[in-house]
């Protein structure tokens, strides 16, 4: 059997490194992205890197859009415009360019995982670029992964709060004593890669709260189109925007 191929962006450290290692241990040929490999915001670099991967392996079975950054934990009025926009570019343009480049080479059983965050749907008034970018990423996921014209099997995976250089540097986690284990993240990621969670295409799942078993059970009970997606919450049945 031909060895499956995975691309993981932001794989030099943190969650990306844990994911890349887990995939490699499972038998994947893993192409690990970093700033030096291909800056994810650079269209030419992304296209060239993906072309190189296809030339080397002849296939792509899994894309994990993990590369991401967070802006300063300050209110929008106090934010730096250049840092704010650079955060959005990395966290939205990066997955967009990677997904756009990989889609033509992704087979019917190929999958894409966007590493997302609870910041996509919770209301925070600091690090607003990060929050905006993760909300936008969720819309990319649901737009491609749901509905009668579904483009791909694509999933939002929120890793919870794994102890990484980024989370350790954040004021929001300064006194945190409980962390999501990397294994909780990779368990879900590997289940997605195996095709066990395809019912969750276009939707959000969260390590530390969800397990493979709990997601199976919920899918068997039935999922409404809007379940675990980002969208408008109407005030009731008489809301004209339902």
C-alpha atoms as a PDB file:
ATOM      1  CA  UNK A   1       0.000   0.000   0.000  1.00  0.00           C
ATOM      2  CA  UNK A   2       1.285   3.489  -0.853  1.00  0.00           C
ATOM      3  CA  UNK A   3       2.338   5.477   2.188  1.00  0.00           C
ATOM      4  CA  UNK A   4      -0.163   8.254   2.990  1.00  0.00           C
ATOM      5  CA  UNK A   5       1.158  11.818   2.869  1.00  0.00           C
ATOM      6  CA  UNK A   6       0.414  14.656   5.277  1.00  0.00           C
ATOM      7  CA  UNK A   7       1.377  18.322   5.240  1.00  0.00           C
ATOM      8  CA  UNK A   8       1.505  20.056   8.620  1.00  0.00           C
ATOM      9  CA  UNK A   9       2.183  23.783   8.732  1.00  0.00           C
ATOM     10  CA  UNK A  10       3.839  25.331  11.761  1.00  0.00           C
ATOM     11  CA  UNK A  11       5.314  21.938  12.610  1.00  0.00           C
ATOM     12  CA  UNK A  12       8.672  22.998  14.025  1.00  0.00           C
ATOM     13  CA  UNK A  13       7.390  23.253  17.603  1.00  0.00           C
ATOM     14  CA  UNK A  14       4.320  23.247  19.824  1.00  0.00           C
ATOM     15  CA  UNK A  15       1.087  21.612  18.751  1.00  0.00           C
ATOM     16  CA  UNK A  16       2.268  21.298  15.167  1.00  0.00           C
ATOM     17  CA  UNK A  17       5.288  19.246  16.216  1.00  0.00           C
ATOM     18  CA  UNK A  18       3.099  16.940  18.340  1.00  0.00           C
ATOM     19  CA  UNK A  19       0.713  16.433  15.406  1.00  0.00           C
ATOM     20  CA  UNK A  20       3.516  15.799  12.914  1.00  0.00           C
ATOM     21  CA  UNK A  21       5.175  13.287  15.245  1.00  0.00           C
ATOM     22  CA  UNK A  22       1.900  11.434  15.853  1.00  0.00           C
ATOM     23  CA  UNK A  23       1.189  11.189  12.128  1.00  0.00           C
ATOM     24  CA  UNK A  24       4.708   9.981  11.410  1.00  0.00           C
ATOM     25  CA  UNK A  25       4.445   7.363  14.155  1.00  0.00           C
ATOM     26  CA  UNK A  26       1.223   6.162  12.521  1.00  0.00           C
ATOM     27  CA  UNK A  27       2.907   5.636   9.178  1.00  0.00           C
ATOM     28  CA  UNK A  28       2.450   8.933   7.339  1.00  0.00           C
ATOM     29  CA  UNK A  29       5.108  10.575   5.264  1.00  0.00           C
ATOM     30  CA  UNK A  30       4.981  13.996   6.907  1.00  0.00           C
ATOM     31  CA  UNK A  31       6.016  17.212   5.221  1.00  0.00           C
ATOM     32  CA  UNK A  32       6.698  19.691   8.030  1.00  0.00           C
ATOM     33  CA  UNK A  33       6.172  23.351   7.270  1.00  0.00           C
ATOM     34  CA  UNK A  34       7.879  26.296   8.937  1.00  0.00           C
ATOM     35  CA  UNK A  35       8.707  29.895   8.080  1.00  0.00           C
ATOM     36  CA  UNK A  36      11.907  28.716   6.427  1.00  0.00           C
ATOM     37  CA  UNK A  37      10.099  26.024   4.400  1.00  0.00           C
ATOM     38  CA  UNK A  38       7.323  28.211   3.004  1.00  0.00           C
ATOM     39  CA  UNK A  39       5.847  31.286   4.687  1.00  0.00           C
ATOM     40  CA  UNK A  40       2.142  30.484   4.574  1.00  0.00           C
ATOM     41  CA  UNK A  41       1.224  34.048   3.611  1.00  0.00           C
ATOM     42  CA  UNK A  42       3.447  33.947   0.507  1.00  0.00           C
ATOM     43  CA  UNK A  43       1.420  32.616  -2.425  1.00  0.00           C
ATOM     44  CA  UNK A  44       4.421  31.857  -4.615  1.00  0.00           C
ATOM     45  CA  UNK A  45       6.225  30.020  -1.812  1.00  0.00           C
ATOM     46  CA  UNK A  46       3.118  28.027  -0.870  1.00  0.00           C
ATOM     47  CA  UNK A  47       2.398  26.982  -4.441  1.00  0.00           C
ATOM     48  CA  UNK A  48       6.022  25.963  -4.986  1.00  0.00           C
ATOM     49  CA  UNK A  49       6.156  23.953  -1.752  1.00  0.00           C
ATOM     50  CA  UNK A  50       2.937  22.070  -2.495  1.00  0.00           C
ATOM     51  CA  UNK A  51       4.156  21.349  -6.029  1.00  0.00           C
ATOM     52  CA  UNK A  52       7.376  19.956  -4.559  1.00  0.00           C
ATOM     53  CA  UNK A  53       5.436  17.706  -2.177  1.00  0.00           C
ATOM     54  CA  UNK A  54       3.291  16.374  -5.027  1.00  0.00           C
ATOM     55  CA  UNK A  55       6.354  15.796  -7.199  1.00  0.00           C
ATOM     56  CA  UNK A  56       8.046  13.898  -4.374  1.00  0.00           C
ATOM     57  CA  UNK A  57       5.109  11.744  -3.268  1.00  0.00           C
ATOM     58  CA  UNK A  58       2.528  11.891  -6.049  1.00  0.00           C
ATOM     59  CA  UNK A  59      -0.297  12.513  -3.597  1.00  0.00           C
ATOM     60  CA  UNK A  60      -1.543  14.450  -0.572  1.00  0.00           C
ATOM     61  CA  UNK A  61      -3.908  12.755   1.847  1.00  0.00           C
ATOM     62  CA  UNK A  62      -4.053  15.217   4.722  1.00  0.00           C
ATOM     63  CA  UNK A  63      -3.442  18.928   5.241  1.00  0.00           C
ATOM     64  CA  UNK A  64      -3.213  20.310   8.770  1.00  0.00           C
ATOM     65  CA  UNK A  65      -3.366  24.102   8.822  1.00  0.00           C
ATOM     66  CA  UNK A  66      -1.674  24.654  12.153  1.00  0.00           C
ATOM     67  CA  UNK A  67       0.581  27.697  11.622  1.00  0.00           C
ATOM     68  CA  UNK A  68      -0.781  30.620  13.598  1.00  0.00           C
ATOM     69  CA  UNK A  69       0.104  33.600  15.759  1.00  0.00           C
ATOM     70  CA  UNK A  70      -1.618  35.750  18.370  1.00  0.00           C
ATOM     71  CA  UNK A  71      -1.544  39.514  18.700  1.00  0.00           C
ATOM     72  CA  UNK A  72      -0.917  41.465  21.903  1.00  0.00           C
ATOM     73  CA  UNK A  73      -3.501  40.913  24.651  1.00  0.00           C
ATOM     74  CA  UNK A  74      -4.771  44.483  24.551  1.00  0.00           C
ATOM     75  CA  UNK A  75      -8.028  46.162  23.579  1.00  0.00           C
ATOM     76  CA  UNK A  76      -8.624  47.021  19.944  1.00  0.00           C
ATOM     77  CA  UNK A  77      -8.100  50.754  20.610  1.00  0.00           C
ATOM     78  CA  UNK A  78      -4.636  49.994  21.988  1.00  0.00           C
ATOM     79  CA  UNK A  79      -3.614  47.526  19.275  1.00  0.00           C
ATOM     80  CA  UNK A  80      -0.857  48.054  16.747  1.00  0.00           C
ATOM     81  CA  UNK A  81      -2.398  48.105  13.225  1.00  0.00           C
ATOM     82  CA  UNK A  82       0.552  46.353  11.585  1.00  0.00           C
ATOM     83  CA  UNK A  83       0.639  43.568  14.161  1.00  0.00           C
ATOM     84  CA  UNK A  84      -3.156  43.261  14.020  1.00  0.00           C
ATOM     85  CA  UNK A  85      -3.228  42.791  10.262  1.00  0.00           C
ATOM     86  CA  UNK A  86      -0.184  40.494  10.228  1.00  0.00           C
ATOM     87  CA  UNK A  87      -2.040  38.220  12.679  1.00  0.00           C
ATOM     88  CA  UNK A  88      -5.074  38.067  10.406  1.00  0.00           C
ATOM     89  CA  UNK A  89      -2.867  37.393   7.381  1.00  0.00           C
ATOM     90  CA  UNK A  90      -1.080  34.477   9.045  1.00  0.00           C
ATOM     91  CA  UNK A  91      -4.221  32.942  10.522  1.00  0.00           C
ATOM     92  CA  UNK A  92      -6.564  33.423   7.549  1.00  0.00           C
ATOM     93  CA  UNK A  93      -4.548  34.039   4.384  1.00  0.00           C
ATOM     94  CA  UNK A  94      -2.201  31.204   5.369  1.00  0.00           C
ATOM     95  CA  UNK A  95      -4.867  28.462   5.613  1.00  0.00           C
ATOM     96  CA  UNK A  96      -6.604  29.915   2.551  1.00  0.00           C
ATOM     97  CA  UNK A  97      -3.485  29.732   0.401  1.00  0.00           C
ATOM     98  CA  UNK A  98      -2.542  26.270   1.682  1.00  0.00           C
ATOM     99  CA  UNK A  99      -6.056  24.905   1.155  1.00  0.00           C
ATOM    100  CA  UNK A 100      -6.310  26.454  -2.294  1.00  0.00           C
ATOM    101  CA  UNK A 101      -2.986  24.912  -3.316  1.00  0.00           C
ATOM    102  CA  UNK A 102      -3.701  21.452  -1.876  1.00  0.00           C
ATOM    103  CA  UNK A 103      -7.329  20.954  -2.990  1.00  0.00           C
ATOM    104  CA  UNK A 104      -6.509  19.947  -6.602  1.00  0.00           C
ATOM    105  CA  UNK A 105      -4.226  17.201  -5.281  1.00  0.00           C
ATOM    106  CA  UNK A 106      -6.507  15.896  -2.524  1.00  0.00           C
ATOM    107  CA  UNK A 107      -8.185  12.615  -3.347  1.00  0.00           C
ATOM    108  CA  UNK A 108     -11.817  11.754  -2.483  1.00  0.00           C
ATOM    109  CA  UNK A 109     -10.662  10.383   0.869  1.00  0.00           C
ATOM    110  CA  UNK A 110      -8.344  13.319   1.553  1.00  0.00           C
ATOM    111  CA  UNK A 111      -8.995  15.566   4.514  1.00  0.00           C
ATOM    112  CA  UNK A 112      -8.118  19.033   5.795  1.00  0.00           C
ATOM    113  CA  UNK A 113      -7.894  20.009   9.457  1.00  0.00           C
ATOM    114  CA  UNK A 114      -7.878  23.651  10.515  1.00  0.00           C
ATOM    115  CA  UNK A 115      -6.458  24.183  13.988  1.00  0.00           C
ATOM    116  CA  UNK A 116      -8.971  26.627  15.416  1.00  0.00           C
ATOM    117  CA  UNK A 117      -9.822  27.998  18.865  1.00  0.00           C
ATOM    118  CA  UNK A 118     -12.652  28.774  21.241  1.00  0.00           C
ATOM    119  CA  UNK A 119     -11.804  32.391  20.409  1.00  0.00           C
ATOM    120  CA  UNK A 120     -13.715  31.821  17.158  1.00  0.00           C
ATOM    121  CA  UNK A 121     -17.078  31.856  18.931  1.00  0.00           C
ATOM    122  CA  UNK A 122     -16.507  33.389  22.372  1.00  0.00           C
ATOM    123  CA  UNK A 123     -16.653  37.135  22.902  1.00  0.00           C
ATOM    124  CA  UNK A 124     -13.308  38.591  24.009  1.00  0.00           C
ATOM    125  CA  UNK A 125     -12.270  42.241  23.907  1.00  0.00           C
ATOM    126  CA  UNK A 126      -8.506  41.640  23.799  1.00  0.00           C
ATOM    127  CA  UNK A 127      -6.274  40.030  21.157  1.00  0.00           C
ATOM    128  CA  UNK A 128      -9.014  40.966  18.729  1.00  0.00           C
ATOM    129  CA  UNK A 129      -7.088  40.064  15.573  1.00  0.00           C
ATOM    130  CA  UNK A 130      -6.707  36.490  16.807  1.00  0.00           C
ATOM    131  CA  UNK A 131     -10.419  36.316  17.616  1.00  0.00           C
ATOM    132  CA  UNK A 132     -11.421  37.720  14.216  1.00  0.00           C
ATOM    133  CA  UNK A 133      -9.057  35.399  12.390  1.00  0.00           C
ATOM    134  CA  UNK A 134     -10.315  32.263  14.106  1.00  0.00           C
ATOM    135  CA  UNK A 135     -13.917  33.230  13.405  1.00  0.00           C
ATOM    136  CA  UNK A 136     -13.032  33.694   9.745  1.00  0.00           C
ATOM    137  CA  UNK A 137     -11.279  30.330   9.707  1.00  0.00           C
ATOM    138  CA  UNK A 138     -14.436  28.663  11.048  1.00  0.00           C
ATOM    139  CA  UNK A 139     -16.404  30.185   8.177  1.00  0.00           C
ATOM    140  CA  UNK A 140     -13.928  28.756   5.668  1.00  0.00           C
ATOM    141  CA  UNK A 141     -14.353  25.331   7.263  1.00  0.00           C
ATOM    142  CA  UNK A 142     -18.154  25.337   7.246  1.00  0.00           C
ATOM    143  CA  UNK A 143     -18.300  26.889   3.794  1.00  0.00           C
ATOM    144  CA  UNK A 144     -16.210  24.125   2.263  1.00  0.00           C
ATOM    145  CA  UNK A 145     -17.277  21.230   4.449  1.00  0.00           C
ATOM    146  CA  UNK A 146     -21.079  21.422   4.679  1.00  0.00           C
ATOM    147  CA  UNK A 147     -24.048  21.468   2.361  1.00  0.00           C
ATOM    148  CA  UNK A 148     -24.977  19.783  -0.919  1.00  0.00           C
ATOM    149  CA  UNK A 149     -22.021  21.328  -2.724  1.00  0.00           C
ATOM    150  CA  UNK A 150     -19.390  20.291  -0.175  1.00  0.00           C
ATOM    151  CA  UNK A 151     -15.906  20.858  -1.550  1.00  0.00           C
ATOM    152  CA  UNK A 152     -13.897  18.723   0.859  1.00  0.00           C
ATOM    153  CA  UNK A 153     -13.857  16.827   4.106  1.00  0.00           C
ATOM    154  CA  UNK A 154     -12.605  19.662   6.309  1.00  0.00           C
ATOM    155  CA  UNK A 155     -12.709  20.076  10.074  1.00  0.00           C
ATOM    156  CA  UNK A 156     -12.100  22.679  12.774  1.00  0.00           C
ATOM    157  CA  UNK A 157     -10.079  21.232  15.640  1.00  0.00           C
ATOM    158  CA  UNK A 158      -9.689  23.434  18.690  1.00  0.00           C
ATOM    159  CA  UNK A 159      -6.810  22.040  20.772  1.00  0.00           C
ATOM    160  CA  UNK A 160      -7.943  23.465  24.090  1.00  0.00           C
ATOM    161  CA  UNK A 161      -5.050  24.988  26.017  1.00  0.00           C
ATOM    162  CA  UNK A 162      -1.919  22.931  25.405  1.00  0.00           C
ATOM    163  CA  UNK A 163       1.211  24.061  27.214  1.00  0.00           C
ATOM    164  CA  UNK A 164       3.304  25.642  24.445  1.00  0.00           C
ATOM    165  CA  UNK A 165       5.624  28.610  24.114  1.00  0.00           C
ATOM    166  CA  UNK A 166       2.684  30.692  22.887  1.00  0.00           C
ATOM    167  CA  UNK A 167       0.249  29.812  25.659  1.00  0.00           C
ATOM    168  CA  UNK A 168       2.905  30.106  28.370  1.00  0.00           C
ATOM    169  CA  UNK A 169       3.619  33.653  27.231  1.00  0.00           C
ATOM    170  CA  UNK A 170      -0.030  34.734  27.437  1.00  0.00           C
ATOM    171  CA  UNK A 171      -1.285  36.750  30.380  1.00  0.00           C
ATOM    172  CA  UNK A 172      -4.628  34.932  30.125  1.00  0.00           C
ATOM    173  CA  UNK A 173      -2.921  31.666  31.129  1.00  0.00           C
ATOM    174  CA  UNK A 174      -0.439  33.056  33.661  1.00  0.00           C
ATOM    175  CA  UNK A 175      -1.972  31.212  36.631  1.00  0.00           C
ATOM    176  CA  UNK A 176      -3.249  28.175  34.745  1.00  0.00           C
ATOM    177  CA  UNK A 177      -2.597  24.828  36.414  1.00  0.00           C
ATOM    178  CA  UNK A 178      -4.664  22.545  34.151  1.00  0.00           C
ATOM    179  CA  UNK A 179      -3.639  22.067  30.538  1.00  0.00           C
ATOM    180  CA  UNK A 180      -4.936  20.007  27.630  1.00  0.00           C
ATOM    181  CA  UNK A 181      -2.559  17.145  26.959  1.00  0.00           C
ATOM    182  CA  UNK A 182      -1.051  16.813  23.470  1.00  0.00           C
ATOM    183  CA  UNK A 183      -2.431  13.257  23.372  1.00  0.00           C
ATOM    184  CA  UNK A 184      -5.996  14.589  23.609  1.00  0.00           C
ATOM    185  CA  UNK A 185      -5.326  16.661  20.502  1.00  0.00           C
ATOM    186  CA  UNK A 186      -3.602  13.953  18.510  1.00  0.00           C
ATOM    187  CA  UNK A 187      -6.261  11.358  19.401  1.00  0.00           C
ATOM    188  CA  UNK A 188      -8.882  13.475  17.646  1.00  0.00           C
ATOM    189  CA  UNK A 189      -6.550  14.390  14.792  1.00  0.00           C
ATOM    190  CA  UNK A 190      -5.694  10.753  14.064  1.00  0.00           C
ATOM    191  CA  UNK A 191      -9.370   9.761  14.209  1.00  0.00           C
ATOM    192  CA  UNK A 192     -10.112  12.448  11.612  1.00  0.00           C
ATOM    193  CA  UNK A 193      -7.266  11.183   9.451  1.00  0.00           C
ATOM    194  CA  UNK A 194      -8.623   7.624   9.650  1.00  0.00           C
ATOM    195  CA  UNK A 195     -12.037   8.807   8.458  1.00  0.00           C
ATOM    196  CA  UNK A 196     -13.794   7.996  11.719  1.00  0.00           C
ATOM    197  CA  UNK A 197     -15.237  11.494  12.180  1.00  0.00           C
ATOM    198  CA  UNK A 198     -16.327  12.385   8.648  1.00  0.00           C
ATOM    199  CA  UNK A 199     -19.819  13.221   9.951  1.00  0.00           C
ATOM    200  CA  UNK A 200     -18.191  16.255  11.582  1.00  0.00           C
ATOM    201  CA  UNK A 201     -16.980  17.777   8.320  1.00  0.00           C
ATOM    202  CA  UNK A 202     -17.516  21.541   8.386  1.00  0.00           C
ATOM    203  CA  UNK A 203     -17.834  21.629  12.173  1.00  0.00           C
ATOM    204  CA  UNK A 204     -15.870  22.402  15.313  1.00  0.00           C
ATOM    205  CA  UNK A 205     -14.550  19.868  17.803  1.00  0.00           C
ATOM    206  CA  UNK A 206     -12.462  20.596  20.894  1.00  0.00           C
ATOM    207  CA  UNK A 207      -9.778  18.472  22.505  1.00  0.00           C
ATOM    208  CA  UNK A 208     -10.216  18.197  26.244  1.00  0.00           C
ATOM    209  CA  UNK A 209     -14.006  18.470  25.944  1.00  0.00           C
ATOM    210  CA  UNK A 210     -14.717  16.061  23.098  1.00  0.00           C
ATOM    211  CA  UNK A 211     -13.449  12.519  22.695  1.00  0.00           C
ATOM    212  CA  UNK A 212     -13.626  10.200  19.719  1.00  0.00           C
ATOM    213  CA  UNK A 213     -16.305   8.197  21.543  1.00  0.00           C
ATOM    214  CA  UNK A 214     -18.427  11.231  22.459  1.00  0.00           C
ATOM    215  CA  UNK A 215     -18.250  12.574  18.895  1.00  0.00           C
ATOM    216  CA  UNK A 216     -19.278   9.187  17.487  1.00  0.00           C
ATOM    217  CA  UNK A 217     -22.237   9.081  19.871  1.00  0.00           C
ATOM    218  CA  UNK A 218     -23.370  12.587  18.995  1.00  0.00           C
ATOM    219  CA  UNK A 219     -23.114  11.928  15.250  1.00  0.00           C
ATOM    220  CA  UNK A 220     -25.191   8.765  15.610  1.00  0.00           C
ATOM    221  CA  UNK A 221     -27.858  10.775  17.464  1.00  0.00           C
ATOM    222  CA  UNK A 222     -27.975  13.197  14.538  1.00  0.00           C
ATOM    223  CA  UNK A 223     -26.453  16.560  13.679  1.00  0.00           C
ATOM    224  CA  UNK A 224     -28.429  19.568  12.537  1.00  0.00           C
ATOM    225  CA  UNK A 225     -26.849  21.665   9.795  1.00  0.00           C
ATOM    226  CA  UNK A 226     -25.922  24.460  12.200  1.00  0.00           C
ATOM    227  CA  UNK A 227     -24.600  22.258  15.020  1.00  0.00           C
ATOM    228  CA  UNK A 228     -21.060  23.205  16.031  1.00  0.00           C
ATOM    229  CA  UNK A 229     -20.822  25.888  13.349  1.00  0.00           C
ATOM    230  CA  UNK A 230     -20.384  29.646  13.611  1.00  0.00           C
ATOM    231  CA  UNK A 231     -23.518  31.576  12.734  1.00  0.00           C
ATOM    232  CA  UNK A 232     -26.329  33.869  13.800  1.00  0.00           C
ATOM    233  CA  UNK A 233     -28.241  32.960  16.964  1.00  0.00           C
ATOM    234  CA  UNK A 234     -31.877  34.042  16.345  1.00  0.00           C
ATOM    235  CA  UNK A 235     -34.040  35.439  19.132  1.00  0.00           C
ATOM    236  CA  UNK A 236     -36.737  32.860  18.471  1.00  0.00           C
ATOM    237  CA  UNK A 237     -38.960  31.325  15.838  1.00  0.00           C
ATOM    238  CA  UNK A 238     -40.319  34.758  14.910  1.00  0.00           C
ATOM    239  CA  UNK A 239     -36.886  36.209  14.101  1.00  0.00           C
ATOM    240  CA  UNK A 240     -36.972  37.216  10.400  1.00  0.00           C
ATOM    241  CA  UNK A 241     -33.245  36.435  10.115  1.00  0.00           C
ATOM    242  CA  UNK A 242     -33.690  32.764  10.899  1.00  0.00           C
END
